N, C-alpha and C. Protein backbone atom coordinates (compact mmCIF):
# COMPACT_ATOMS: atom_id res chain seq x y z
N MET A 1 108.28 81.98 74.15
CA MET A 1 107.69 81.30 75.23
C MET A 1 106.13 81.34 75.12
N ALA A 2 105.48 80.23 75.37
CA ALA A 2 104.10 80.15 75.34
C ALA A 2 103.49 80.68 76.64
N GLY A 3 104.10 80.68 77.77
CA GLY A 3 103.70 81.25 78.99
C GLY A 3 104.79 81.32 79.99
N LYS A 4 104.44 81.80 81.22
CA LYS A 4 105.38 81.59 82.18
C LYS A 4 104.82 81.10 83.51
N HIS A 5 105.79 80.53 84.33
CA HIS A 5 105.33 80.03 85.53
C HIS A 5 106.35 80.49 86.62
N ILE A 6 105.87 81.37 87.57
CA ILE A 6 106.77 81.73 88.68
C ILE A 6 106.26 81.10 89.87
N SER A 7 107.22 80.40 90.58
CA SER A 7 106.83 79.87 91.88
C SER A 7 107.67 80.40 92.91
N LEU A 8 107.06 80.99 94.03
CA LEU A 8 107.78 81.74 95.01
C LEU A 8 107.26 80.82 96.19
N LEU A 9 108.32 80.05 96.81
CA LEU A 9 107.96 79.28 97.91
C LEU A 9 108.74 79.96 99.20
N VAL A 10 107.85 80.27 100.23
CA VAL A 10 108.31 80.91 101.33
C VAL A 10 108.11 80.42 102.65
N HIS A 11 108.99 80.32 103.54
CA HIS A 11 108.85 79.77 104.86
C HIS A 11 108.76 80.85 105.75
N PHE A 12 107.50 81.10 106.39
CA PHE A 12 107.40 82.23 107.40
C PHE A 12 107.39 81.67 108.79
N VAL A 13 107.97 82.46 109.70
CA VAL A 13 107.96 81.99 110.95
C VAL A 13 107.45 83.32 111.85
N TRP A 14 106.51 83.17 112.49
CA TRP A 14 105.93 84.26 113.47
C TRP A 14 105.92 83.92 114.97
N SER A 15 106.33 84.72 115.83
CA SER A 15 106.42 84.59 117.19
C SER A 15 105.40 85.47 117.80
N THR A 16 104.71 84.95 118.90
CA THR A 16 103.86 85.81 119.66
C THR A 16 104.81 86.99 120.36
N ALA A 17 104.04 88.00 120.70
CA ALA A 17 104.85 89.06 121.38
C ALA A 17 105.57 88.56 122.78
N GLY A 18 106.84 88.79 122.82
CA GLY A 18 107.54 88.36 124.06
C GLY A 18 107.61 86.89 124.25
N ARG A 19 107.39 86.16 123.01
CA ARG A 19 107.32 84.83 123.02
C ARG A 19 106.49 84.07 124.10
N GLU A 20 105.24 84.86 124.35
CA GLU A 20 104.32 84.41 125.38
C GLU A 20 103.51 83.27 124.77
N PRO A 21 103.19 82.16 125.58
CA PRO A 21 102.46 81.06 125.17
C PRO A 21 101.04 81.18 124.82
N TRP A 22 100.63 82.10 123.91
CA TRP A 22 99.24 82.45 123.73
C TRP A 22 98.54 81.63 122.58
N ILE A 23 99.16 80.86 121.88
CA ILE A 23 98.47 80.00 120.91
C ILE A 23 97.97 78.78 121.60
N SER A 24 96.72 78.51 121.65
CA SER A 24 96.07 77.42 122.33
C SER A 24 95.82 76.23 121.28
N GLN A 25 96.08 75.10 121.55
CA GLN A 25 95.79 73.82 120.76
C GLN A 25 94.35 73.87 120.46
N SER A 26 93.48 74.37 121.27
CA SER A 26 92.00 74.44 121.03
C SER A 26 91.68 75.18 119.89
N TRP A 27 92.28 76.34 119.43
CA TRP A 27 91.88 76.98 118.40
C TRP A 27 92.98 77.30 117.33
N GLU A 28 94.17 76.47 117.26
CA GLU A 28 95.27 76.66 116.36
C GLU A 28 94.77 76.31 114.99
N ASP A 29 94.03 75.30 114.97
CA ASP A 29 93.55 74.90 113.55
C ASP A 29 92.65 76.01 112.95
N GLU A 30 91.90 76.60 113.58
CA GLU A 30 91.08 77.74 113.18
C GLU A 30 92.03 78.95 112.73
N LEU A 31 92.91 79.12 113.43
CA LEU A 31 94.12 80.15 113.17
C LEU A 31 94.70 79.97 111.68
N TYR A 32 94.99 78.59 111.58
CA TYR A 32 95.64 78.38 110.27
C TYR A 32 94.59 78.25 109.07
N LYS A 33 93.33 78.09 109.52
CA LYS A 33 92.23 78.17 108.33
C LYS A 33 92.18 79.66 107.96
N VAL A 34 92.26 80.59 108.98
CA VAL A 34 92.06 82.02 108.67
C VAL A 34 93.13 82.51 107.96
N ILE A 35 94.43 82.07 108.32
CA ILE A 35 95.66 82.35 107.59
C ILE A 35 95.50 81.94 106.10
N GLY A 36 95.11 80.57 106.01
CA GLY A 36 95.06 80.06 104.75
C GLY A 36 94.12 80.80 103.77
N GLY A 37 92.96 81.37 104.41
CA GLY A 37 92.01 82.05 103.61
C GLY A 37 92.74 83.31 103.19
N ILE A 38 93.47 83.89 104.09
CA ILE A 38 94.09 85.34 103.73
C ILE A 38 95.07 85.07 102.50
N ILE A 39 95.73 84.03 102.60
CA ILE A 39 96.72 83.56 101.42
C ILE A 39 96.07 83.17 100.22
N ARG A 40 94.87 82.63 100.30
CA ARG A 40 94.11 82.28 99.09
C ARG A 40 93.51 83.50 98.54
N ASN A 41 93.07 84.51 99.19
CA ASN A 41 92.62 85.72 98.72
C ASN A 41 93.65 86.42 97.86
N LYS A 42 94.95 86.19 98.10
CA LYS A 42 96.14 86.79 97.50
C LYS A 42 96.49 85.84 96.35
N LYS A 43 95.72 84.85 96.08
CA LYS A 43 96.04 83.88 95.04
C LYS A 43 97.25 82.95 95.23
N GLY A 44 97.53 82.64 96.58
CA GLY A 44 98.58 81.82 97.05
C GLY A 44 97.86 80.64 97.62
N LYS A 45 98.97 79.74 98.14
CA LYS A 45 98.41 78.38 98.65
C LYS A 45 99.24 78.35 100.02
N LEU A 46 98.51 77.93 101.06
CA LEU A 46 99.14 77.54 102.29
C LEU A 46 99.46 76.02 102.24
N LEU A 47 100.68 75.69 102.14
CA LEU A 47 101.20 74.22 101.83
C LEU A 47 101.23 73.52 103.08
N GLU A 48 101.69 74.10 104.19
CA GLU A 48 101.88 73.46 105.52
C GLU A 48 101.85 74.45 106.56
N ALA A 49 101.16 74.12 107.79
CA ALA A 49 101.16 75.04 108.85
C ALA A 49 101.46 74.16 110.07
N GLY A 50 102.17 74.84 111.02
CA GLY A 50 102.34 74.10 112.41
C GLY A 50 103.13 75.00 113.27
N GLY A 51 103.00 74.54 114.56
CA GLY A 51 103.75 75.50 115.50
C GLY A 51 103.36 75.03 116.91
N VAL A 52 103.83 75.77 117.86
CA VAL A 52 103.66 75.50 119.27
C VAL A 52 103.01 76.81 119.93
N SER A 53 102.97 76.80 121.14
CA SER A 53 102.18 77.83 121.75
C SER A 53 102.72 79.21 121.72
N ASP A 54 103.96 79.49 121.38
CA ASP A 54 104.57 80.84 121.25
C ASP A 54 105.10 81.02 119.76
N HIS A 55 104.95 80.32 118.70
CA HIS A 55 105.26 80.54 117.48
C HIS A 55 104.66 79.66 116.40
N ILE A 56 104.65 80.08 115.26
CA ILE A 56 104.08 79.31 114.15
C ILE A 56 104.97 79.22 112.91
N HIS A 57 104.88 78.31 112.14
CA HIS A 57 105.49 78.13 110.86
C HIS A 57 104.62 78.03 109.72
N LEU A 58 104.83 78.65 108.67
CA LEU A 58 103.89 78.50 107.51
C LEU A 58 104.81 78.25 106.21
N TYR A 59 104.47 77.31 105.47
CA TYR A 59 105.17 77.06 104.19
C TYR A 59 104.08 77.48 103.21
N THR A 60 104.43 78.34 102.27
CA THR A 60 103.36 78.89 101.23
C THR A 60 104.04 78.92 99.91
N SER A 61 103.08 78.97 99.05
CA SER A 61 103.33 79.19 97.62
C SER A 61 102.70 80.55 97.22
N LEU A 62 103.38 81.54 96.80
CA LEU A 62 102.83 82.67 96.49
C LEU A 62 103.01 83.23 95.04
N PRO A 63 101.96 83.86 94.47
CA PRO A 63 102.06 84.18 93.09
C PRO A 63 102.92 85.45 92.89
N SER A 64 103.38 85.61 91.67
CA SER A 64 104.37 86.86 91.44
C SER A 64 103.57 88.13 91.62
N THR A 65 102.38 88.21 91.87
CA THR A 65 101.66 89.41 92.32
C THR A 65 101.74 89.81 93.62
N VAL A 66 102.35 88.96 94.45
CA VAL A 66 102.48 89.36 95.86
C VAL A 66 103.84 89.84 96.10
N SER A 67 103.97 90.96 96.74
CA SER A 67 105.26 91.54 97.03
C SER A 67 105.57 91.45 98.45
N LEU A 68 106.83 91.08 98.71
CA LEU A 68 107.28 90.79 100.20
C LEU A 68 107.82 92.22 100.85
N ASP A 69 107.48 93.26 100.09
CA ASP A 69 108.08 94.59 100.61
C ASP A 69 109.51 94.70 100.87
N VAL A 70 110.28 93.85 100.20
CA VAL A 70 111.75 93.92 100.48
C VAL A 70 112.49 95.13 100.02
N MET A 71 111.95 95.67 98.84
CA MET A 71 112.66 96.95 98.15
C MET A 71 112.57 98.06 99.26
N ARG A 72 111.27 98.26 99.75
CA ARG A 72 111.15 99.34 100.63
C ARG A 72 111.98 99.17 101.83
N TYR A 73 112.21 98.02 102.39
CA TYR A 73 113.07 97.69 103.46
C TYR A 73 114.57 98.14 103.19
N ILE A 74 115.06 97.75 101.93
CA ILE A 74 116.37 98.12 101.60
C ILE A 74 116.56 99.52 101.24
N GLN A 75 115.48 100.21 100.72
CA GLN A 75 115.57 101.60 100.49
C GLN A 75 115.63 102.42 101.73
N ARG A 76 115.17 101.97 102.83
CA ARG A 76 115.11 102.72 104.15
C ARG A 76 116.21 102.47 105.05
N GLN A 77 117.12 101.68 104.54
CA GLN A 77 118.36 101.39 105.55
C GLN A 77 119.00 102.34 106.21
N LYS A 78 119.29 103.62 105.40
CA LYS A 78 119.98 104.68 106.02
C LYS A 78 119.12 105.23 107.25
N GLU A 79 117.87 105.44 106.91
CA GLU A 79 116.99 105.99 107.92
C GLU A 79 116.82 104.98 109.06
N HIS A 80 116.78 103.62 108.87
CA HIS A 80 116.76 102.69 109.86
C HIS A 80 117.82 102.64 110.76
N HIS A 81 119.09 102.80 110.20
CA HIS A 81 120.30 102.78 110.94
C HIS A 81 120.70 104.09 111.54
N ARG A 82 119.99 105.14 111.15
CA ARG A 82 120.18 106.36 112.06
C ARG A 82 119.86 106.20 113.44
N ARG A 83 118.63 105.38 113.58
CA ARG A 83 118.10 105.05 115.08
C ARG A 83 118.83 103.94 115.63
N ARG A 84 119.40 103.12 114.97
CA ARG A 84 120.06 101.86 115.54
C ARG A 84 121.21 101.41 114.61
N ASP A 85 122.32 101.18 115.29
CA ASP A 85 123.39 100.66 114.45
C ASP A 85 123.29 99.15 114.31
N PHE A 86 124.02 98.58 113.21
CA PHE A 86 123.85 97.12 112.95
C PHE A 86 124.20 96.34 114.03
N LYS A 87 125.35 96.68 114.70
CA LYS A 87 125.91 95.67 115.78
C LYS A 87 124.86 95.58 116.82
N SER A 88 124.24 96.62 117.43
CA SER A 88 123.19 96.45 118.46
C SER A 88 121.97 95.74 118.00
N GLU A 89 121.68 95.94 116.61
CA GLU A 89 120.42 95.20 116.26
C GLU A 89 120.78 93.82 116.05
N PHE A 90 121.96 93.46 115.74
CA PHE A 90 122.51 92.03 115.47
C PHE A 90 122.37 91.29 116.82
N ILE A 91 123.01 92.03 117.88
CA ILE A 91 123.21 91.40 119.20
C ILE A 91 121.70 91.21 119.71
N GLU A 92 121.01 92.09 119.53
CA GLU A 92 119.42 91.97 120.01
C GLU A 92 118.74 90.67 119.28
N LEU A 93 119.05 90.53 118.05
CA LEU A 93 118.40 89.36 117.30
C LEU A 93 118.91 88.19 118.00
N LEU A 94 120.22 87.98 118.29
CA LEU A 94 120.82 86.90 118.81
C LEU A 94 120.25 86.62 120.11
N ASN A 95 120.15 87.58 120.88
CA ASN A 95 119.65 87.52 122.31
C ASN A 95 118.22 87.08 122.23
N ARG A 96 117.40 87.73 121.39
CA ARG A 96 115.95 87.36 121.33
C ARG A 96 115.66 85.71 121.00
N HIS A 97 116.54 85.42 120.20
CA HIS A 97 116.38 83.97 119.64
C HIS A 97 117.22 83.07 120.51
N GLU A 98 117.92 83.44 121.62
CA GLU A 98 118.56 82.68 122.53
C GLU A 98 119.62 81.86 121.82
N ILE A 99 120.45 82.63 120.86
CA ILE A 99 121.49 82.02 120.25
C ILE A 99 122.82 82.54 121.09
N GLU A 100 123.47 81.58 121.41
CA GLU A 100 124.74 81.69 122.28
C GLU A 100 125.80 82.19 121.38
N TYR A 101 126.61 83.28 121.89
CA TYR A 101 127.76 83.78 121.19
C TYR A 101 128.68 84.37 122.18
N ASP A 102 129.97 84.59 121.56
CA ASP A 102 130.98 85.19 122.42
C ASP A 102 131.49 86.47 121.61
N GLU A 103 131.19 87.61 122.21
CA GLU A 103 131.45 88.89 121.62
C GLU A 103 133.05 89.05 121.23
N ARG A 104 133.82 88.33 121.88
CA ARG A 104 135.20 88.50 121.50
C ARG A 104 135.47 87.92 120.08
N TYR A 105 134.57 87.09 119.54
CA TYR A 105 134.82 86.53 118.12
C TYR A 105 133.80 86.87 117.10
N ILE A 106 132.67 87.57 117.57
CA ILE A 106 131.61 87.76 116.65
C ILE A 106 131.96 88.87 115.63
N TRP A 107 132.81 89.81 115.93
CA TRP A 107 132.95 90.87 114.93
C TRP A 107 134.48 90.72 114.06
N ARG A 108 134.99 89.59 114.20
CA ARG A 108 136.33 89.39 113.50
C ARG A 108 136.19 89.36 112.11
């Protein structure tokens, strides 16, 4: 092979703490410029950015030199779940994101 090309396209979603409406339209463009600069410094590209007052979406192209730290997350699962079991963590995620569910059917 003459060379290699790796394209890692990632859709990030970030929420403000407590989903509070802290992102103002008056400065959100500046926020995206700062985030774009951080991504450029990592040799990536911010392809698209948008959001509302309580969360943002970013679509990025990242080089193979950027790690998403997934391996460390997986390696620490035993430690993580000593403090909190999967069921309680999953229920909290559903509640936090206002996803309706019926506990009678969720663990079948």
